[in-house]
Amino acid sequence: MKKRENGKKESLATFRRITQYDRMIASGIYPSIKDFIDAFGISEATVHRDLIALRYDFGADEYLEYDRIKKGYYYTNPTFRIPALLTTEKQIIAAQLMANLLDMIKGTPIYAQAIEVFTTLSANIEQDNKLNAKKLSSRILFLGMNPVDIQNKVWSKLEEGLSGNHYIAFDYTKNGITYRISMKPYQLIYYNGMWSLYGYEINPGYEGIRFFNLPLIKNIQIKKETFELPENFAYEKHAIGNFGRHIGSETYTFKVIILVDWIADYAKTYNWAPDQKFEEEADGTTVMSFTSNQYYPVLDWVLQRGKFIIPVAPERLVGDWKDHALAMANMAKEV
């Protein structure tokens, strides 16, 4: 028993060293054998054994290389990292639930890789009898629209452009017309079954933040030229509200009257906007107010709730809501 415990401790120490090797290599500092020896106080032979394990036991063989000029190790794929170790039953459950969640993004090249990571990590750990990861994970379900299929070539090219901050160009077909788009790619965004490329278009006359749906992107070209990623590039730093994938040029103060309790109760359970407020009125209605720059998604949200919501502000929302309501009323007369 004592021998077995010592073996476990040694294996854990080896794993911890290898995760540190991975961090050092991925950081781009080109660590050498001597760097590893100095960092961990181990022999050169131990470093070589660890590197062999990193290559063949942790999947780095395809990417780990030695630079003879810089005299250190690096990854040919800068996005490569070894998986973390799951050590508790609850972590295993979390990983398996994440694997279930990943079903929402089937059709992308990263799906199979991610599933393999989660299932491999959770399958090789001795489980606590008090918890049953497989049974529990099957009782928790993630629902969402089936994701679109993304071509491997498109995904790989976008990964290359994003990781190196390269300008990219591609064909984009919309309403039957194909355009050649040039842009700075910032992020890949997944929302409601759709993957989109978010970035800054640089075509003359069309400069600005844009979203492009991945299934409509073809013939991607990675430019040699690179750009400096803006400090505030991230989508979440510009979108005000959680009504959809949208960043509007104007920010509005919205106010709607919710006429029934069950819609009000539903609305209160979500974080629609950072400053959202709900005020209950004497007549039993609820006034919902918030600030957002997602005008069109908010309009859709109001229309989806039909006769149970009345918009009050801004005037633009009231006018558009009336136009849609009257148009639908006229259509209903003809049914």
Protein backbone atom coordinates (compact mmCIF):
# COMPACT_ATOMS: atom_id res chain seq x y z
CA MET A 1 0.00 0.00 0.00
CA LYS A 2 2.85 2.37 0.88
CA LYS A 3 4.54 1.68 -2.45
CA ARG A 4 1.32 2.41 -4.33
CA GLU A 5 0.82 5.73 -2.50
CA ASN A 6 4.39 6.78 -3.32
CA GLY A 7 3.77 5.89 -6.95
CA LYS A 8 0.64 8.06 -7.01
CA LYS A 9 2.51 11.01 -5.48
CA GLU A 10 5.32 10.62 -8.03
CA SER A 11 2.83 10.50 -10.92
CA LEU A 12 1.07 13.61 -9.64
CA ALA A 13 4.41 15.44 -9.30
CA THR A 14 5.29 14.46 -12.87
CA PHE A 15 1.95 15.70 -14.13
CA ARG A 16 2.36 19.02 -12.33
CA ARG A 17 5.82 19.49 -13.87
CA ILE A 18 4.49 18.72 -17.35
CA THR A 19 1.67 21.25 -16.96
CA GLN A 20 4.33 23.81 -16.06
CA TYR A 21 6.40 22.78 -19.11
CA ASP A 22 3.26 23.34 -21.18
CA ARG A 23 2.70 26.84 -19.76
CA MET A 24 6.35 27.83 -20.28
CA ILE A 25 6.41 26.57 -23.87
CA ALA A 26 3.05 28.10 -24.75
CA SER A 27 4.15 31.49 -23.32
CA GLY A 28 6.64 31.85 -26.20
CA ILE A 29 9.80 32.21 -24.09
CA TYR A 30 11.49 29.19 -25.77
CA PRO A 31 12.52 27.36 -22.55
CA SER A 32 15.61 25.14 -22.73
CA ILE A 33 16.56 21.92 -20.94
CA LYS A 34 18.54 24.04 -18.47
CA ASP A 35 15.50 26.25 -17.83
CA PHE A 36 13.49 23.17 -16.86
CA ILE A 37 16.28 21.84 -14.64
CA ASP A 38 16.60 25.20 -12.83
CA ALA A 39 12.83 25.65 -12.50
CA PHE A 40 12.15 22.26 -10.91
CA GLY A 41 15.47 21.16 -9.40
CA ILE A 42 15.51 17.89 -11.33
CA SER A 43 18.08 16.02 -13.40
CA GLU A 44 18.54 16.30 -17.16
CA ALA A 45 17.42 12.67 -17.53
CA THR A 46 14.14 13.50 -15.74
CA VAL A 47 13.55 16.46 -18.05
CA HIS A 48 14.01 14.22 -21.10
CA ARG A 49 11.55 11.66 -19.65
CA ASP A 50 9.04 14.45 -18.99
CA LEU A 51 9.38 15.77 -22.53
CA ILE A 52 8.79 12.29 -23.93
CA ALA A 53 5.63 12.09 -21.80
CA LEU A 54 4.57 15.55 -23.00
CA ARG A 55 4.98 14.41 -26.61
CA TYR A 56 3.35 11.00 -26.53
CA ASP A 57 1.10 10.91 -23.45
CA PHE A 58 -0.27 14.44 -23.66
CA GLY A 59 -0.63 14.86 -27.42
CA ALA A 60 2.17 17.37 -28.09
CA ASP A 61 4.13 15.23 -30.56
CA GLU A 62 2.64 16.98 -33.58
CA TYR A 63 3.41 20.47 -32.28
CA LEU A 64 6.46 20.36 -29.98
CA GLU A 65 9.65 21.49 -31.75
CA TYR A 66 13.14 22.68 -30.79
CA ASP A 67 14.42 25.98 -32.21
CA ARG A 68 18.18 25.66 -32.77
CA ILE A 69 18.64 29.42 -33.10
CA LYS A 70 16.74 30.40 -29.96
CA LYS A 71 17.87 27.17 -28.26
CA GLY A 72 14.50 26.36 -26.75
CA TYR A 73 11.20 24.59 -27.23
CA TYR A 74 8.05 25.97 -28.85
CA TYR A 75 4.67 24.84 -30.22
CA THR A 76 4.16 25.05 -33.98
CA ASN A 77 0.46 25.54 -33.22
CA PRO A 78 0.28 28.48 -30.77
CA THR A 79 -3.22 27.45 -29.62
CA PHE A 80 -2.15 23.97 -28.46
CA ARG A 81 -2.38 23.27 -24.71
CA ILE A 82 -2.44 19.99 -22.82
CA PRO A 83 -5.69 19.09 -21.01
CA ALA A 84 -6.04 19.60 -17.28
CA LEU A 85 -6.44 16.66 -14.91
CA LEU A 86 -9.79 15.96 -13.27
CA THR A 87 -9.27 14.84 -9.69
CA THR A 88 -12.70 14.77 -8.06
CA GLU A 89 -16.06 13.23 -8.83
CA LYS A 90 -17.70 16.65 -8.99
CA GLN A 91 -15.14 17.78 -11.57
CA ILE A 92 -15.92 14.66 -13.59
CA ILE A 93 -19.63 15.46 -13.46
CA ALA A 94 -18.90 19.02 -14.55
CA ALA A 95 -16.82 17.76 -17.48
CA GLN A 96 -19.52 15.35 -18.61
CA LEU A 97 -22.14 18.09 -18.37
CA MET A 98 -19.90 20.30 -20.48
CA ALA A 99 -19.69 17.47 -22.98
CA ASN A 100 -23.50 17.46 -23.08
CA LEU A 101 -23.48 21.22 -23.56
CA LEU A 102 -21.10 20.83 -26.48
CA ASP A 103 -23.84 18.96 -28.35
CA MET A 104 -25.18 22.44 -29.08
CA ILE A 105 -22.15 23.14 -31.29
CA LYS A 106 -22.03 19.96 -33.34
CA GLY A 107 -20.90 20.54 -36.88
CA THR A 108 -17.76 22.50 -35.99
CA PRO A 109 -14.24 21.05 -36.18
CA ILE A 110 -13.62 21.73 -32.49
CA TYR A 111 -16.61 19.63 -31.40
CA ALA A 112 -15.03 16.19 -31.80
CA GLN A 113 -11.77 17.34 -30.19
CA ALA A 114 -13.56 18.83 -27.19
CA ILE A 115 -15.73 15.75 -26.69
CA GLU A 116 -12.63 13.55 -26.80
CA VAL A 117 -10.92 15.66 -24.14
CA PHE A 118 -13.85 15.61 -21.74
CA THR A 119 -14.72 11.93 -22.13
CA THR A 120 -11.08 10.81 -21.88
CA LEU A 121 -10.43 12.82 -18.74
CA SER A 122 -13.56 11.66 -16.96
CA ALA A 123 -13.34 8.01 -18.02
CA ASN A 124 -9.94 7.32 -16.42
CA ILE A 125 -10.65 8.55 -12.89
CA GLU A 126 -11.73 6.23 -10.10
CA GLN A 127 -15.18 7.44 -9.08
CA ASP A 128 -16.68 7.98 -5.64
CA ASN A 129 -19.60 5.66 -4.93
CA LYS A 130 -21.54 8.51 -3.34
CA LEU A 131 -21.93 10.15 -6.73
CA ASN A 132 -22.57 8.66 -10.14
CA ALA A 133 -21.33 11.02 -12.86
CA LYS A 134 -22.82 9.20 -15.83
CA LYS A 135 -26.27 8.86 -14.28
CA LEU A 136 -26.38 12.43 -13.01
CA SER A 137 -25.15 13.97 -16.27
CA SER A 138 -27.93 12.15 -18.15
CA ARG A 139 -30.50 13.88 -15.91
CA ILE A 140 -29.38 17.40 -16.85
CA LEU A 141 -30.25 18.57 -20.35
CA PHE A 142 -29.18 21.59 -22.40
CA LEU A 143 -31.68 22.70 -25.04
CA GLY A 144 -31.04 24.97 -27.99
CA MET A 145 -31.37 25.29 -31.74
CA ASN A 146 -29.37 22.71 -33.70
CA PRO A 147 -26.10 24.31 -34.79
CA VAL A 148 -25.16 24.87 -38.41
CA ASP A 149 -22.39 22.80 -40.02
CA ILE A 150 -19.10 24.61 -40.55
CA GLN A 151 -16.53 23.47 -43.13
CA ASN A 152 -13.19 22.39 -41.64
CA LYS A 153 -11.30 24.55 -44.11
CA VAL A 154 -13.25 27.67 -43.16
CA TRP A 155 -12.81 27.04 -39.45
CA SER A 156 -9.07 26.31 -39.74
CA LYS A 157 -8.43 29.45 -41.79
CA LEU A 158 -10.33 31.59 -39.29
CA GLU A 159 -8.36 30.08 -36.41
CA GLU A 160 -5.15 30.96 -38.24
CA GLY A 161 -6.28 34.53 -38.86
CA LEU A 162 -7.45 35.05 -35.29
CA SER A 163 -4.40 33.54 -33.61
CA GLY A 164 -1.97 35.66 -35.63
CA ASN A 165 -4.07 38.85 -35.95
CA HIS A 166 -3.88 38.62 -39.73
CA TYR A 167 -6.06 40.62 -42.09
CA ILE A 168 -8.35 38.26 -43.98
CA ALA A 169 -10.47 38.39 -47.13
CA PHE A 170 -13.34 36.12 -48.18
CA ASP A 171 -16.39 35.80 -50.42
CA TYR A 172 -19.69 36.43 -48.67
CA THR A 173 -23.02 35.70 -50.33
CA LYS A 174 -26.08 37.60 -49.11
CA ASN A 175 -29.46 37.95 -50.86
CA GLY A 176 -28.03 36.17 -53.89
CA ILE A 177 -25.14 38.62 -54.30
CA THR A 178 -21.51 37.70 -53.56
CA TYR A 179 -19.23 40.34 -52.07
CA ARG A 180 -15.49 40.25 -51.44
CA ILE A 181 -14.97 41.24 -47.82
CA SER A 182 -11.71 42.40 -46.25
CA MET A 183 -11.54 42.75 -42.50
CA LYS A 184 -9.76 42.49 -39.17
CA PRO A 185 -11.15 39.35 -37.46
CA TYR A 186 -11.81 39.86 -33.74
CA GLN A 187 -13.90 36.97 -32.43
CA LEU A 188 -15.97 33.90 -33.32
CA ILE A 189 -19.39 34.15 -31.66
CA TYR A 190 -21.94 31.38 -31.16
CA TYR A 191 -25.57 32.41 -30.70
CA ASN A 192 -28.77 30.41 -31.05
CA GLY A 193 -27.39 27.77 -33.42
CA MET A 194 -25.31 30.15 -35.56
CA TRP A 195 -21.56 30.80 -35.61
CA SER A 196 -20.58 34.32 -36.68
CA LEU A 197 -17.33 36.09 -37.37
CA TYR A 198 -17.17 39.43 -35.56
CA GLY A 199 -14.65 42.06 -36.61
CA TYR A 200 -13.90 45.32 -38.37
CA GLU A 201 -14.59 45.53 -42.10
CA ILE A 202 -12.09 47.68 -44.04
CA ASN A 203 -13.74 47.77 -47.48
CA PRO A 204 -13.84 51.44 -48.62
CA GLY A 205 -17.22 52.97 -47.84
CA TYR A 206 -18.20 50.10 -45.55
CA GLU A 207 -15.72 50.52 -42.72
CA GLY A 208 -17.05 49.43 -39.37
CA ILE A 209 -17.94 46.63 -36.99
CA ARG A 210 -19.68 43.74 -38.78
CA PHE A 211 -21.00 40.21 -38.21
CA PHE A 212 -20.67 37.52 -40.89
CA ASN A 213 -22.39 34.12 -40.61
CA LEU A 214 -19.86 31.35 -41.13
CA PRO A 215 -21.95 29.16 -43.49
CA LEU A 216 -21.98 32.04 -46.00
CA ILE A 217 -18.19 32.50 -45.97
CA LYS A 218 -16.14 30.98 -48.83
CA ASN A 219 -12.64 31.25 -50.31
CA ILE A 220 -10.86 32.67 -47.27
CA GLN A 221 -7.49 34.26 -47.85
CA ILE A 222 -5.09 34.93 -44.96
CA LYS A 223 -3.09 38.08 -45.62
CA LYS A 224 0.57 38.39 -44.63
CA GLU A 225 -0.17 41.78 -43.10
CA THR A 226 -1.13 41.85 -39.43
CA PHE A 227 -2.98 44.36 -37.28
CA GLU A 228 -2.78 45.39 -33.65
CA LEU A 229 -5.76 44.08 -31.73
CA PRO A 230 -7.59 47.01 -30.11
CA GLU A 231 -7.74 46.94 -26.32
CA ASN A 232 -11.55 47.12 -26.36
CA PHE A 233 -12.09 44.74 -29.30
CA ALA A 234 -14.36 42.27 -27.47
CA TYR A 235 -18.04 42.06 -28.42
CA GLU A 236 -19.14 42.08 -24.79
CA LYS A 237 -17.50 45.48 -24.26
CA HIS A 238 -19.76 47.08 -26.88
CA ALA A 239 -23.08 45.24 -26.66
CA ILE A 240 -25.45 46.69 -24.05
CA GLY A 241 -28.02 44.04 -23.27
CA ASN A 242 -28.58 40.33 -23.79
CA PHE A 243 -31.42 40.29 -26.30
CA GLY A 244 -29.42 38.89 -29.20
CA ARG A 245 -26.21 39.14 -31.21
CA HIS A 246 -26.30 42.83 -32.10
CA ILE A 247 -24.47 46.11 -31.50
CA GLY A 248 -26.47 49.17 -32.52
CA SER A 249 -25.09 52.63 -33.23
CA GLU A 250 -27.61 54.20 -30.82
CA THR A 251 -28.42 53.48 -27.20
CA TYR A 252 -32.05 53.78 -26.08
CA THR A 253 -33.90 53.90 -22.78
CA PHE A 254 -36.67 51.31 -23.14
CA LYS A 255 -39.89 51.07 -21.16
CA VAL A 256 -42.62 48.46 -21.63
CA ILE A 257 -45.77 47.58 -19.71
CA ILE A 258 -46.18 43.87 -19.01
CA LEU A 259 -49.88 43.07 -18.66
CA VAL A 260 -49.81 39.59 -17.12
CA ASP A 261 -47.98 38.12 -14.12
CA TRP A 262 -46.58 35.05 -15.86
CA ILE A 263 -44.74 37.15 -18.46
CA ALA A 264 -43.47 39.48 -15.73
CA ASP A 265 -42.25 36.54 -13.64
CA TYR A 266 -40.49 35.09 -16.68
CA ALA A 267 -38.83 38.42 -17.52
CA LYS A 268 -37.57 38.90 -13.97
CA THR A 269 -35.62 35.62 -14.07
CA TYR A 270 -33.30 36.85 -16.85
CA ASN A 271 -30.49 39.38 -16.95
CA TRP A 272 -31.63 41.35 -20.00
CA ALA A 273 -29.61 44.49 -19.29
CA PRO A 274 -27.32 45.73 -16.48
CA ASP A 275 -29.75 48.45 -15.35
CA GLN A 276 -33.08 46.62 -15.77
CA LYS A 277 -35.85 47.55 -13.33
CA PHE A 278 -39.31 46.12 -12.65
CA GLU A 279 -42.00 48.21 -10.96
CA GLU A 280 -45.35 46.74 -9.98
CA GLU A 281 -48.30 49.09 -10.59
CA ALA A 282 -51.57 49.39 -8.65
CA ASP A 283 -53.53 47.96 -11.60
CA GLY A 284 -51.55 44.70 -11.48
CA THR A 285 -49.29 45.45 -14.45
CA THR A 286 -45.49 45.56 -14.32
CA VAL A 287 -43.34 48.30 -15.87
CA MET A 288 -40.00 47.03 -17.17
CA SER A 289 -37.31 49.60 -17.99
CA PHE A 290 -33.73 49.21 -19.19
CA THR A 291 -31.01 50.69 -21.41
CA SER A 292 -29.74 48.88 -24.52
CA ASN A 293 -28.15 49.41 -27.93
CA GLN A 294 -29.82 46.26 -29.29
CA TYR A 295 -32.86 47.93 -30.83
CA TYR A 296 -33.90 45.28 -33.35
CA PRO A 297 -33.57 42.33 -30.96
CA VAL A 298 -35.59 44.29 -28.38
CA LEU A 299 -38.29 44.96 -31.01
CA ASP A 300 -38.39 41.23 -31.80
CA TRP A 301 -38.59 40.43 -28.08
CA VAL A 302 -41.59 42.75 -27.64
CA LEU A 303 -43.37 41.41 -30.74
CA GLN A 304 -42.86 37.80 -29.63
CA ARG A 305 -44.92 38.49 -26.51
CA GLY A 306 -47.86 39.69 -28.57
CA LYS A 307 -50.87 41.10 -26.74
CA PHE A 308 -49.22 40.78 -23.32
CA ILE A 309 -46.77 43.70 -23.67
CA ILE A 310 -47.29 47.36 -24.58
CA PRO A 311 -44.19 49.46 -25.43
CA VAL A 312 -44.04 52.98 -23.96
CA ALA A 313 -40.58 54.24 -24.92
CA PRO A 314 -38.74 55.15 -27.04
CA GLU A 315 -41.09 56.59 -29.67
CA ARG A 316 -39.33 54.60 -32.39
CA LEU A 317 -40.22 51.33 -30.65
CA VAL A 318 -43.84 52.40 -30.15
CA GLY A 319 -44.16 53.34 -33.84
CA ASP A 320 -42.58 50.15 -35.16
CA TRP A 321 -44.68 48.03 -32.78
CA LYS A 322 -47.87 49.73 -34.01
CA ASP A 323 -46.90 49.21 -37.66
CA HIS A 324 -46.28 45.50 -37.09
CA ALA A 325 -49.44 45.06 -35.01
CA LEU A 326 -51.64 46.77 -37.63
CA ALA A 327 -50.05 44.76 -40.46
CA MET A 328 -50.65 41.49 -38.59
CA ALA A 329 -54.23 42.55 -37.78
CA ASN A 330 -54.90 43.17 -41.47
CA MET A 331 -53.39 39.82 -42.37
CA ALA A 332 -55.51 38.11 -39.71
CA LYS A 333 -58.70 39.54 -41.27
CA GLU A 334 -57.89 37.77 -44.52
CA VAL A 335 -57.27 34.36 -42.95
